[in-house]
């Protein structure tokens, strides 16, 4: 299951995504955690110290390797250089799975221990000084989108992505790559404004969206959120001494998280799991192709010097039954 956490900057989406990741790990389900926010904080939220968080490999730095591996033996892709962030898989493409190993995970993923369990953590990499004035940060998250396009995952297999702040993920088609999107909203006008943007943009693409109210301090905050988001409000989270201690670098065992917040995570897990029944791989593939053709026409063809529409395999549908070709 592919799960996104979105929200305005400072809403607490990284904290909540890290709690959800810890909850899944404690439930002993396989998890890949992805920090797709240019402000890289997910590693620290999962307990890494500053040096370990800074040492995480950047997916963007390994983009040539990622492209070469995912391209596989797909005859519609003439070279890895002609692949862009939206390139869809086709017959002969190499696919990613939540479990197992491959060169992409070897280069880009690191195993993070969490209270007797573990998760794989991948990160886009930060926006560096060398990027200033010459690069768009959306190019950094392109590696994540390309991997999601080639990812096959099943029930009780999770990929949890901490997304860029605000509505920036709509700069590409990545917002359609998820089974469930949890929008973290504070009970404020600014927090609700991001929800309204997301709701409007997502409406035409059947994006499953639920709101997680954060920093809710009392009945008035709860009433405000209910009035503003209606049935989209799934659950609320309040103050957490456990989180405060973790942010100070003194985390307690995860089992000591407050009962109310553990119940909230149970609700998130059940909601994500229930989305499995609504999976439509044909729609997923169709949307992938839609955004690829848009990007090809607007900039991709000119940048690569190739007709990127020819990369689309009309007979291919990504699904749990799609297999990665075995090497000869």
C-alpha atoms as a PDB file:
ATOM      1  CA  UNK A   1       0.000   0.000   0.000  1.00  0.00           C
ATOM      2  CA  UNK A   2       1.348   3.397  -0.965  1.00  0.00           C
ATOM      3  CA  UNK A   3       0.563   6.086   1.606  1.00  0.00           C
ATOM      4  CA  UNK A   4       1.316   9.826   1.400  1.00  0.00           C
ATOM      5  CA  UNK A   5       1.466  12.330   4.232  1.00  0.00           C
ATOM      6  CA  UNK A   6       0.913  15.918   3.076  1.00  0.00           C
ATOM      7  CA  UNK A   7       0.188  19.261   4.720  1.00  0.00           C
ATOM      8  CA  UNK A   8       1.483  22.761   5.091  1.00  0.00           C
ATOM      9  CA  UNK A   9       4.961  23.352   6.438  1.00  0.00           C
ATOM     10  CA  UNK A  10       4.985  22.998  10.210  1.00  0.00           C
ATOM     11  CA  UNK A  11       1.715  21.074  10.353  1.00  0.00           C
ATOM     12  CA  UNK A  12       3.414  18.014  11.799  1.00  0.00           C
ATOM     13  CA  UNK A  13       3.230  15.755   8.735  1.00  0.00           C
ATOM     14  CA  UNK A  14       6.786  14.457   9.233  1.00  0.00           C
ATOM     15  CA  UNK A  15       6.120  13.693  12.894  1.00  0.00           C
ATOM     16  CA  UNK A  16       2.867  11.891  12.097  1.00  0.00           C
ATOM     17  CA  UNK A  17       4.330   9.993   9.168  1.00  0.00           C
ATOM     18  CA  UNK A  18       7.191   8.835  11.406  1.00  0.00           C
ATOM     19  CA  UNK A  19       4.718   7.686  14.074  1.00  0.00           C
ATOM     20  CA  UNK A  20       2.751   5.773  11.452  1.00  0.00           C
ATOM     21  CA  UNK A  21       5.964   4.172  10.185  1.00  0.00           C
ATOM     22  CA  UNK A  22       6.882   3.148  13.740  1.00  0.00           C
ATOM     23  CA  UNK A  23       3.375   1.734  14.218  1.00  0.00           C
ATOM     24  CA  UNK A  24       3.648  -0.346  11.049  1.00  0.00           C
ATOM     25  CA  UNK A  25       7.084  -1.602  12.015  1.00  0.00           C
ATOM     26  CA  UNK A  26       5.761  -2.583  15.456  1.00  0.00           C
ATOM     27  CA  UNK A  27       2.967  -4.458  13.653  1.00  0.00           C
ATOM     28  CA  UNK A  28       5.680  -6.433  11.821  1.00  0.00           C
ATOM     29  CA  UNK A  29       4.644  -5.478   8.317  1.00  0.00           C
ATOM     30  CA  UNK A  30       7.319  -4.617   5.726  1.00  0.00           C
ATOM     31  CA  UNK A  31       7.794  -0.865   5.307  1.00  0.00           C
ATOM     32  CA  UNK A  32       9.750   1.398   2.995  1.00  0.00           C
ATOM     33  CA  UNK A  33       9.845   4.962   4.302  1.00  0.00           C
ATOM     34  CA  UNK A  34      10.589   7.732   1.803  1.00  0.00           C
ATOM     35  CA  UNK A  35      11.548  11.309   2.670  1.00  0.00           C
ATOM     36  CA  UNK A  36      10.379  13.209  -0.405  1.00  0.00           C
ATOM     37  CA  UNK A  37      10.479  16.611   1.294  1.00  0.00           C
ATOM     38  CA  UNK A  38      13.443  18.785   0.377  1.00  0.00           C
ATOM     39  CA  UNK A  39      13.631  19.767   4.055  1.00  0.00           C
ATOM     40  CA  UNK A  40      14.898  16.356   5.130  1.00  0.00           C
ATOM     41  CA  UNK A  41      13.624  15.562   8.628  1.00  0.00           C
ATOM     42  CA  UNK A  42      12.156  12.061   8.414  1.00  0.00           C
ATOM     43  CA  UNK A  43      15.426  10.352   9.325  1.00  0.00           C
ATOM     44  CA  UNK A  44      15.726  12.390  12.502  1.00  0.00           C
ATOM     45  CA  UNK A  45      12.068  11.714  13.331  1.00  0.00           C
ATOM     46  CA  UNK A  46      12.846   8.003  13.049  1.00  0.00           C
ATOM     47  CA  UNK A  47      15.664   8.355  15.563  1.00  0.00           C
ATOM     48  CA  UNK A  48      18.772   8.973  13.455  1.00  0.00           C
ATOM     49  CA  UNK A  49      21.320  11.354  14.887  1.00  0.00           C
ATOM     50  CA  UNK A  50      22.465  14.317  12.803  1.00  0.00           C
ATOM     51  CA  UNK A  51      25.483  12.520  11.348  1.00  0.00           C
ATOM     52  CA  UNK A  52      23.511   9.412  10.356  1.00  0.00           C
ATOM     53  CA  UNK A  53      20.708  11.493   8.863  1.00  0.00           C
ATOM     54  CA  UNK A  54      23.206  13.547   6.851  1.00  0.00           C
ATOM     55  CA  UNK A  55      24.864  10.356   5.603  1.00  0.00           C
ATOM     56  CA  UNK A  56      21.702   8.992   4.002  1.00  0.00           C
ATOM     57  CA  UNK A  57      22.302   8.504   0.267  1.00  0.00           C
ATOM     58  CA  UNK A  58      20.388  10.906  -1.969  1.00  0.00           C
ATOM     59  CA  UNK A  59      18.122   9.227  -4.506  1.00  0.00           C
ATOM     60  CA  UNK A  60      18.672  12.142  -6.866  1.00  0.00           C
ATOM     61  CA  UNK A  61      22.407  11.462  -6.881  1.00  0.00           C
ATOM     62  CA  UNK A  62      21.729   7.892  -8.039  1.00  0.00           C
ATOM     63  CA  UNK A  63      19.224   8.781 -10.741  1.00  0.00           C
ATOM     64  CA  UNK A  64      21.327   7.301 -13.619  1.00  0.00           C
ATOM     65  CA  UNK A  65      21.526   3.967 -11.778  1.00  0.00           C
ATOM     66  CA  UNK A  66      17.795   4.054 -10.993  1.00  0.00           C
ATOM     67  CA  UNK A  67      16.924   4.726 -14.626  1.00  0.00           C
ATOM     68  CA  UNK A  68      19.251   2.045 -15.973  1.00  0.00           C
ATOM     69  CA  UNK A  69      17.865  -0.579 -13.626  1.00  0.00           C
ATOM     70  CA  UNK A  70      14.182   0.273 -14.163  1.00  0.00           C
ATOM     71  CA  UNK A  71      14.641   0.453 -17.923  1.00  0.00           C
ATOM     72  CA  UNK A  72      15.658  -3.200 -17.953  1.00  0.00           C
ATOM     73  CA  UNK A  73      15.055  -4.704 -21.381  1.00  0.00           C
ATOM     74  CA  UNK A  74      12.119  -2.462 -22.295  1.00  0.00           C
ATOM     75  CA  UNK A  75      12.510  -2.065 -26.086  1.00  0.00           C
ATOM     76  CA  UNK A  76      10.449   1.143 -26.109  1.00  0.00           C
ATOM     77  CA  UNK A  77      13.113   3.015 -24.135  1.00  0.00           C
ATOM     78  CA  UNK A  78      16.156   3.621 -26.304  1.00  0.00           C
ATOM     79  CA  UNK A  79      18.437   4.644 -23.439  1.00  0.00           C
ATOM     80  CA  UNK A  80      18.333   5.508 -19.761  1.00  0.00           C
ATOM     81  CA  UNK A  81      19.072   9.117 -20.734  1.00  0.00           C
ATOM     82  CA  UNK A  82      15.662   9.383 -22.409  1.00  0.00           C
ATOM     83  CA  UNK A  83      13.806   8.394 -19.235  1.00  0.00           C
ATOM     84  CA  UNK A  84      12.158  11.206 -17.287  1.00  0.00           C
ATOM     85  CA  UNK A  85      10.454  11.214 -13.896  1.00  0.00           C
ATOM     86  CA  UNK A  86       7.107  10.159 -15.391  1.00  0.00           C
ATOM     87  CA  UNK A  87       8.341   7.364 -17.684  1.00  0.00           C
ATOM     88  CA  UNK A  88       5.948   4.437 -17.208  1.00  0.00           C
ATOM     89  CA  UNK A  89       6.957   0.785 -17.133  1.00  0.00           C
ATOM     90  CA  UNK A  90       6.242  -1.577 -20.001  1.00  0.00           C
ATOM     91  CA  UNK A  91       7.053  -5.060 -21.142  1.00  0.00           C
ATOM     92  CA  UNK A  92      10.682  -5.743 -20.218  1.00  0.00           C
ATOM     93  CA  UNK A  93      10.914  -3.080 -17.496  1.00  0.00           C
ATOM     94  CA  UNK A  94      12.411  -3.965 -14.139  1.00  0.00           C
ATOM     95  CA  UNK A  95       9.893  -3.510 -11.317  1.00  0.00           C
ATOM     96  CA  UNK A  96      10.448  -2.744  -7.646  1.00  0.00           C
ATOM     97  CA  UNK A  97       8.892  -4.698  -4.781  1.00  0.00           C
ATOM     98  CA  UNK A  98       8.645  -3.780  -1.119  1.00  0.00           C
ATOM     99  CA  UNK A  99      10.547  -6.898  -0.085  1.00  0.00           C
ATOM    100  CA  UNK A 100      13.726  -8.355  -1.484  1.00  0.00           C
ATOM    101  CA  UNK A 101      16.773  -6.619  -2.834  1.00  0.00           C
ATOM    102  CA  UNK A 102      17.851  -4.848  -5.991  1.00  0.00           C
ATOM    103  CA  UNK A 103      20.538  -2.350  -7.050  1.00  0.00           C
ATOM    104  CA  UNK A 104      18.218   0.608  -6.351  1.00  0.00           C
ATOM    105  CA  UNK A 105      17.752  -0.380  -2.716  1.00  0.00           C
ATOM    106  CA  UNK A 106      21.428  -1.258  -2.404  1.00  0.00           C
ATOM    107  CA  UNK A 107      22.374   2.271  -3.479  1.00  0.00           C
ATOM    108  CA  UNK A 108      19.564   4.336  -1.989  1.00  0.00           C
ATOM    109  CA  UNK A 109      18.003   2.555   1.004  1.00  0.00           C
ATOM    110  CA  UNK A 110      19.315   2.154   4.522  1.00  0.00           C
ATOM    111  CA  UNK A 111      17.866  -0.126   7.186  1.00  0.00           C
ATOM    112  CA  UNK A 112      16.735   1.722  10.305  1.00  0.00           C
ATOM    113  CA  UNK A 113      16.166  -0.289  13.521  1.00  0.00           C
ATOM    114  CA  UNK A 114      12.986   0.596  15.400  1.00  0.00           C
ATOM    115  CA  UNK A 115      12.239  -1.063  18.748  1.00  0.00           C
ATOM    116  CA  UNK A 116      13.186  -4.559  17.674  1.00  0.00           C
ATOM    117  CA  UNK A 117      11.863  -4.142  14.127  1.00  0.00           C
ATOM    118  CA  UNK A 118      13.262  -2.251  11.157  1.00  0.00           C
ATOM    119  CA  UNK A 119      12.269  -0.275   8.080  1.00  0.00           C
ATOM    120  CA  UNK A 120      14.050   0.720   4.900  1.00  0.00           C
ATOM    121  CA  UNK A 121      14.521   4.472   4.591  1.00  0.00           C
ATOM    122  CA  UNK A 122      15.098   6.307   1.316  1.00  0.00           C
ATOM    123  CA  UNK A 123      15.509  10.052   0.821  1.00  0.00           C
ATOM    124  CA  UNK A 124      15.479  12.400  -2.141  1.00  0.00           C
ATOM    125  CA  UNK A 125      18.395  14.332  -0.747  1.00  0.00           C
ATOM    126  CA  UNK A 126      18.448  17.970   0.330  1.00  0.00           C
ATOM    127  CA  UNK A 127      18.533  21.044  -1.881  1.00  0.00           C
ATOM    128  CA  UNK A 128      22.206  21.934  -1.791  1.00  0.00           C
ATOM    129  CA  UNK A 129      24.121  25.159  -2.309  1.00  0.00           C
ATOM    130  CA  UNK A 130      25.283  23.914  -5.712  1.00  0.00           C
ATOM    131  CA  UNK A 131      21.634  23.705  -6.812  1.00  0.00           C
ATOM    132  CA  UNK A 132      20.918  27.355  -6.114  1.00  0.00           C
ATOM    133  CA  UNK A 133      20.011  29.256  -9.243  1.00  0.00           C
ATOM    134  CA  UNK A 134      20.493  26.274 -11.554  1.00  0.00           C
ATOM    135  CA  UNK A 135      18.079  23.569 -10.439  1.00  0.00           C
ATOM    136  CA  UNK A 136      14.423  23.154  -9.575  1.00  0.00           C
ATOM    137  CA  UNK A 137      13.793  21.133  -6.435  1.00  0.00           C
ATOM    138  CA  UNK A 138      11.041  19.233  -8.256  1.00  0.00           C
ATOM    139  CA  UNK A 139      13.848  17.496 -10.145  1.00  0.00           C
ATOM    140  CA  UNK A 140      15.008  16.100  -6.797  1.00  0.00           C
ATOM    141  CA  UNK A 141      11.743  14.267  -6.156  1.00  0.00           C
ATOM    142  CA  UNK A 142      11.669  12.931  -9.729  1.00  0.00           C
ATOM    143  CA  UNK A 143      13.565   9.845  -8.573  1.00  0.00           C
ATOM    144  CA  UNK A 144      10.769   9.080  -6.102  1.00  0.00           C
ATOM    145  CA  UNK A 145       8.080   9.435  -8.767  1.00  0.00           C
ATOM    146  CA  UNK A 146       9.987   7.195 -11.174  1.00  0.00           C
ATOM    147  CA  UNK A 147      10.349   4.515  -8.497  1.00  0.00           C
ATOM    148  CA  UNK A 148       6.660   4.724  -7.561  1.00  0.00           C
ATOM    149  CA  UNK A 149       5.759   4.273 -11.228  1.00  0.00           C
ATOM    150  CA  UNK A 150       7.665   0.977 -11.220  1.00  0.00           C
ATOM    151  CA  UNK A 151       6.581  -0.258  -7.788  1.00  0.00           C
ATOM    152  CA  UNK A 152       4.418  -3.333  -7.246  1.00  0.00           C
ATOM    153  CA  UNK A 153       3.107  -3.643  -3.701  1.00  0.00           C
ATOM    154  CA  UNK A 154       0.464  -5.759  -2.029  1.00  0.00           C
ATOM    155  CA  UNK A 155      -1.737  -5.682   1.031  1.00  0.00           C
ATOM    156  CA  UNK A 156       0.195  -5.294   4.285  1.00  0.00           C
ATOM    157  CA  UNK A 157       3.222  -4.068   2.353  1.00  0.00           C
ATOM    158  CA  UNK A 158       3.693  -0.361   2.911  1.00  0.00           C
ATOM    159  CA  UNK A 159       5.502   2.485   1.227  1.00  0.00           C
ATOM    160  CA  UNK A 160       5.031   5.634   3.329  1.00  0.00           C
ATOM    161  CA  UNK A 161       6.079   8.918   1.718  1.00  0.00           C
ATOM    162  CA  UNK A 162       6.596  12.177   3.594  1.00  0.00           C
ATOM    163  CA  UNK A 163       5.745  14.609   0.800  1.00  0.00           C
ATOM    164  CA  UNK A 164       6.773  18.173   0.030  1.00  0.00           C
ATOM    165  CA  UNK A 165       4.947  20.853   1.970  1.00  0.00           C
ATOM    166  CA  UNK A 166       1.733  22.489   0.813  1.00  0.00           C
ATOM    167  CA  UNK A 167       0.349  21.752  -2.635  1.00  0.00           C
ATOM    168  CA  UNK A 168       3.760  21.499  -4.322  1.00  0.00           C
ATOM    169  CA  UNK A 169       3.290  17.806  -5.099  1.00  0.00           C
ATOM    170  CA  UNK A 170       0.787  18.872  -7.764  1.00  0.00           C
ATOM    171  CA  UNK A 171       3.708  20.138  -9.833  1.00  0.00           C
ATOM    172  CA  UNK A 172       3.884  16.552 -11.117  1.00  0.00           C
ATOM    173  CA  UNK A 173       1.613  13.553 -11.225  1.00  0.00           C
ATOM    174  CA  UNK A 174       3.026  12.106  -8.023  1.00  0.00           C
ATOM    175  CA  UNK A 175      -0.101  13.001  -6.044  1.00  0.00           C
ATOM    176  CA  UNK A 176      -1.973  10.244  -7.925  1.00  0.00           C
ATOM    177  CA  UNK A 177       0.538   7.527  -6.998  1.00  0.00           C
ATOM    178  CA  UNK A 178      -1.016   6.641  -3.637  1.00  0.00           C
ATOM    179  CA  UNK A 179      -3.727   4.363  -2.298  1.00  0.00           C
ATOM    180  CA  UNK A 180      -4.406   6.818   0.517  1.00  0.00           C
ATOM    181  CA  UNK A 181      -3.344  10.381   1.217  1.00  0.00           C
ATOM    182  CA  UNK A 182      -3.398  11.632   4.803  1.00  0.00           C
ATOM    183  CA  UNK A 183      -3.506  15.420   4.943  1.00  0.00           C
ATOM    184  CA  UNK A 184      -2.255  16.733   8.273  1.00  0.00           C
ATOM    185  CA  UNK A 185      -4.104  19.916   9.198  1.00  0.00           C
ATOM    186  CA  UNK A 186      -3.848  22.199  12.190  1.00  0.00           C
ATOM    187  CA  UNK A 187      -7.079  23.815  13.397  1.00  0.00           C
ATOM    188  CA  UNK A 188      -6.198  27.134  11.757  1.00  0.00           C
ATOM    189  CA  UNK A 189      -7.227  29.013   8.624  1.00  0.00           C
ATOM    190  CA  UNK A 190      -3.823  28.348   7.028  1.00  0.00           C
ATOM    191  CA  UNK A 191      -4.053  24.647   7.778  1.00  0.00           C
ATOM    192  CA  UNK A 192      -7.506  24.444   6.205  1.00  0.00           C
ATOM    193  CA  UNK A 193      -6.392  26.439   3.143  1.00  0.00           C
ATOM    194  CA  UNK A 194      -3.968  23.672   2.154  1.00  0.00           C
ATOM    195  CA  UNK A 195      -6.750  21.109   2.597  1.00  0.00           C
ATOM    196  CA  UNK A 196      -9.035  23.062   0.278  1.00  0.00           C
ATOM    197  CA  UNK A 197      -6.318  23.335  -2.364  1.00  0.00           C
ATOM    198  CA  UNK A 198      -5.567  19.637  -2.186  1.00  0.00           C
ATOM    199  CA  UNK A 199      -9.230  18.677  -2.251  1.00  0.00           C
ATOM    200  CA  UNK A 200      -9.843  20.805  -5.335  1.00  0.00           C
ATOM    201  CA  UNK A 201      -6.830  19.550  -7.255  1.00  0.00           C
ATOM    202  CA  UNK A 202      -7.396  15.908  -6.324  1.00  0.00           C
ATOM    203  CA  UNK A 203     -11.110  15.780  -7.147  1.00  0.00           C
ATOM    204  CA  UNK A 204     -10.694  14.990 -10.846  1.00  0.00           C
ATOM    205  CA  UNK A 205      -8.260  12.138 -10.195  1.00  0.00           C
ATOM    206  CA  UNK A 206     -10.164  10.078  -7.599  1.00  0.00           C
ATOM    207  CA  UNK A 207      -7.480  10.660  -4.977  1.00  0.00           C
ATOM    208  CA  UNK A 208      -8.472   9.071  -1.654  1.00  0.00           C
ATOM    209  CA  UNK A 209      -7.987  11.841   0.898  1.00  0.00           C
ATOM    210  CA  UNK A 210      -8.494  11.887   4.652  1.00  0.00           C
ATOM    211  CA  UNK A 211      -7.654  14.668   7.117  1.00  0.00           C
ATOM    212  CA  UNK A 212      -5.677  14.067  10.286  1.00  0.00           C
ATOM    213  CA  UNK A 213      -6.199  16.932  12.699  1.00  0.00           C
ATOM    214  CA  UNK A 214      -2.984  17.743  14.558  1.00  0.00           C
ATOM    215  CA  UNK A 215      -2.238  19.948  17.563  1.00  0.00           C
ATOM    216  CA  UNK A 216      -5.878  19.725  18.607  1.00  0.00           C
ATOM    217  CA  UNK A 217      -6.122  21.126  22.130  1.00  0.00           C
ATOM    218  CA  UNK A 218      -9.802  20.980  22.956  1.00  0.00           C
ATOM    219  CA  UNK A 219     -13.450  20.872  21.841  1.00  0.00           C
ATOM    220  CA  UNK A 220     -13.252  24.197  20.046  1.00  0.00           C
ATOM    221  CA  UNK A 221     -10.370  23.014  17.841  1.00  0.00           C
ATOM    222  CA  UNK A 222     -12.260  19.808  17.080  1.00  0.00           C
ATOM    223  CA  UNK A 223     -15.454  21.691  16.228  1.00  0.00           C
ATOM    224  CA  UNK A 224     -13.501  24.010  13.922  1.00  0.00           C
ATOM    225  CA  UNK A 225     -12.018  21.100  11.974  1.00  0.00           C
ATOM    226  CA  UNK A 226     -15.354  19.304  11.716  1.00  0.00           C
ATOM    227  CA  UNK A 227     -17.023  22.432  10.415  1.00  0.00           C
ATOM    228  CA  UNK A 228     -14.298  23.050   7.817  1.00  0.00           C
ATOM    229  CA  UNK A 229     -13.555  19.557   6.465  1.00  0.00           C
ATOM    230  CA  UNK A 230     -16.702  17.598   7.278  1.00  0.00           C
ATOM    231  CA  UNK A 231     -16.569  13.848   6.680  1.00  0.00           C
ATOM    232  CA  UNK A 232     -12.971  14.071   5.447  1.00  0.00           C
ATOM    233  CA  UNK A 233     -11.853  14.422   9.070  1.00  0.00           C
ATOM    234  CA  UNK A 234     -10.651  10.952  10.048  1.00  0.00           C
ATOM    235  CA  UNK A 235      -9.010  11.400  13.434  1.00  0.00           C
ATOM    236  CA  UNK A 236      -7.292  14.006  15.580  1.00  0.00           C
ATOM    237  CA  UNK A 237      -4.032  14.008  17.503  1.00  0.00           C
ATOM    238  CA  UNK A 238      -3.171  16.167  20.485  1.00  0.00           C
ATOM    239  CA  UNK A 239      -0.079  16.925  22.525  1.00  0.00           C
ATOM    240  CA  UNK A 240       2.362  14.064  23.035  1.00  0.00           C
ATOM    241  CA  UNK A 241       4.995  13.950  25.749  1.00  0.00           C
ATOM    242  CA  UNK A 242       6.461  10.933  23.920  1.00  0.00           C
ATOM    243  CA  UNK A 243       6.944  13.013  20.763  1.00  0.00           C
ATOM    244  CA  UNK A 244       8.425  15.904  22.733  1.00  0.00           C
ATOM    245  CA  UNK A 245      10.988  13.587  24.327  1.00  0.00           C
ATOM    246  CA  UNK A 246      11.804  12.063  20.936  1.00  0.00           C
ATOM    247  CA  UNK A 247      12.370  15.525  19.474  1.00  0.00           C
ATOM    248  CA  UNK A 248      14.828  16.192  22.285  1.00  0.00           C
ATOM    249  CA  UNK A 249      16.743  13.049  21.334  1.00  0.00           C
ATOM    250  CA  UNK A 250      15.475  11.045  24.323  1.00  0.00           C
ATOM    251  CA  UNK A 251      12.856   8.698  22.860  1.00  0.00           C
ATOM    252  CA  UNK A 252      11.104   6.202  25.091  1.00  0.00           C
ATOM    253  CA  UNK A 253      10.109   2.770  23.772  1.00  0.00           C
ATOM    254  CA  UNK A 254       7.355   3.169  21.200  1.00  0.00           C
ATOM    255  CA  UNK A 255       5.020   1.020  23.294  1.00  0.00           C
ATOM    256  CA  UNK A 256       4.903   3.929  25.760  1.00  0.00           C
ATOM    257  CA  UNK A 257       3.248   6.286  23.264  1.00  0.00           C
ATOM    258  CA  UNK A 258       0.082   7.675  24.777  1.00  0.00           C
ATOM    259  CA  UNK A 259      -2.966   5.421  24.434  1.00  0.00           C
ATOM    260  CA  UNK A 260      -5.040   8.062  22.611  1.00  0.00           C
ATOM    261  CA  UNK A 261      -2.326   8.525  20.016  1.00  0.00           C
ATOM    262  CA  UNK A 262      -1.885   4.757  19.626  1.00  0.00           C
ATOM    263  CA  UNK A 263      -5.618   4.521  18.932  1.00  0.00           C
ATOM    264  CA  UNK A 264      -5.262   7.242  16.296  1.00  0.00           C
ATOM    265  CA  UNK A 265      -2.511   5.253  14.582  1.00  0.00           C
ATOM    266  CA  UNK A 266      -4.721   2.149  14.662  1.00  0.00           C
ATOM    267  CA  UNK A 267      -7.364   4.142  12.796  1.00  0.00           C
ATOM    268  CA  UNK A 268      -4.825   5.294  10.195  1.00  0.00           C
ATOM    269  CA  UNK A 269      -3.691   1.697   9.687  1.00  0.00           C
ATOM    270  CA  UNK A 270      -7.234   0.372   9.327  1.00  0.00           C
ATOM    271  CA  UNK A 271      -8.135   3.164   6.903  1.00  0.00           C
ATOM    272  CA  UNK A 272      -5.056   2.532   4.776  1.00  0.00           C
ATOM    273  CA  UNK A 273      -5.735  -1.195   4.754  1.00  0.00           C
ATOM    274  CA  UNK A 274      -9.361  -0.701   3.717  1.00  0.00           C
ATOM    275  CA  UNK A 275      -8.196   1.248   0.648  1.00  0.00           C
ATOM    276  CA  UNK A 276      -6.871  -2.008  -0.774  1.00  0.00           C
ATOM    277  CA  UNK A 277     -10.372  -2.970  -1.848  1.00  0.00           C
ATOM    278  CA  UNK A 278     -10.616   0.157  -4.001  1.00  0.00           C
ATOM    279  CA  UNK A 279      -7.432  -0.476  -5.963  1.00  0.00           C
ATOM    280  CA  UNK A 280      -7.798  -0.003  -9.707  1.00  0.00           C
ATOM    281  CA  UNK A 281      -4.520  -0.834 -11.428  1.00  0.00           C
ATOM    282  CA  UNK A 282      -5.903   0.093 -14.857  1.00  0.00           C
ATOM    283  CA  UNK A 283      -6.791   3.596 -13.633  1.00  0.00           C
ATOM    284  CA  UNK A 284      -3.437   3.840 -11.883  1.00  0.00           C
ATOM    285  CA  UNK A 285      -1.622   2.972 -15.114  1.00  0.00           C
ATOM    286  CA  UNK A 286      -3.832   5.267 -17.174  1.00  0.00           C
ATOM    287  CA  UNK A 287      -3.076   8.238 -14.896  1.00  0.00           C
ATOM    288  CA  UNK A 288       0.622   7.414 -15.045  1.00  0.00           C
ATOM    289  CA  UNK A 289       0.498   7.546 -18.833  1.00  0.00           C
ATOM    290  CA  UNK A 290      -1.589  10.742 -18.772  1.00  0.00           C
ATOM    291  CA  UNK A 291       1.020  12.668 -16.791  1.00  0.00           C
ATOM    292  CA  UNK A 292       3.865  11.198 -18.794  1.00  0.00           C
ATOM    293  CA  UNK A 293       2.355  12.446 -22.058  1.00  0.00           C
ATOM    294  CA  UNK A 294       1.768  15.891 -20.528  1.00  0.00           C
ATOM    295  CA  UNK A 295       5.366  16.129 -19.346  1.00  0.00           C
ATOM    296  CA  UNK A 296       6.691  14.792 -22.641  1.00  0.00           C
ATOM    297  CA  UNK A 297       4.874  17.471 -24.613  1.00  0.00           C
ATOM    298  CA  UNK A 298       5.606  20.353 -22.260  1.00  0.00           C
ATOM    299  CA  UNK A 299       9.349  19.781 -21.745  1.00  0.00           C
ATOM    300  CA  UNK A 300      10.474  16.155 -21.940  1.00  0.00           C
ATOM    301  CA  UNK A 301      10.702  15.776 -25.717  1.00  0.00           C
ATOM    302  CA  UNK A 302      12.708  18.957 -26.051  1.00  0.00           C
ATOM    303  CA  UNK A 303      15.068  18.055 -23.197  1.00  0.00           C
ATOM    304  CA  UNK A 304      15.794  14.490 -24.326  1.00  0.00           C
ATOM    305  CA  UNK A 305      15.533  14.945 -28.084  1.00  0.00           C
ATOM    306  CA  UNK A 306      13.270  11.892 -28.234  1.00  0.00           C
ATOM    307  CA  UNK A 307       9.579  11.234 -28.795  1.00  0.00           C
ATOM    308  CA  UNK A 308       8.714  10.171 -25.269  1.00  0.00           C
ATOM    309  CA  UNK A 309       5.154   9.233 -26.208  1.00  0.00           C
ATOM    310  CA  UNK A 310       6.704   6.195 -27.887  1.00  0.00           C
ATOM    311  CA  UNK A 311       7.763   4.936 -24.441  1.00  0.00           C
ATOM    312  CA  UNK A 312       4.139   4.103 -23.605  1.00  0.00           C
ATOM    313  CA  UNK A 313       3.334   0.403 -23.908  1.00  0.00           C
ATOM    314  CA  UNK A 314      -0.425   0.353 -24.647  1.00  0.00           C
ATOM    315  CA  UNK A 315      -0.774  -3.314 -23.669  1.00  0.00           C
ATOM    316  CA  UNK A 316       0.936  -3.003 -20.279  1.00  0.00           C
ATOM    317  CA  UNK A 317      -0.969  -2.616 -16.998  1.00  0.00           C
ATOM    318  CA  UNK A 318       1.001  -2.415 -13.775  1.00  0.00           C
ATOM    319  CA  UNK A 319      -0.453  -4.818 -11.221  1.00  0.00           C
ATOM    320  CA  UNK A 320       0.453  -7.260  -8.484  1.00  0.00           C
ATOM    321  CA  UNK A 321       0.675  -9.909 -11.164  1.00  0.00           C
ATOM    322  CA  UNK A 322       3.211  -7.972 -13.225  1.00  0.00           C
ATOM    323  CA  UNK A 323       6.579  -9.678 -13.081  1.00  0.00           C
ATOM    324  CA  UNK A 324      10.109  -8.367 -13.288  1.00  0.00           C
ATOM    325  CA  UNK A 325      12.059 -10.159 -16.027  1.00  0.00           C
ATOM    326  CA  UNK A 326      14.654 -12.546 -14.693  1.00  0.00           C
ATOM    327  CA  UNK A 327      18.228 -12.056 -15.934  1.00  0.00           C
ATOM    328  CA  UNK A 328      19.428 -14.610 -18.470  1.00  0.00           C
END
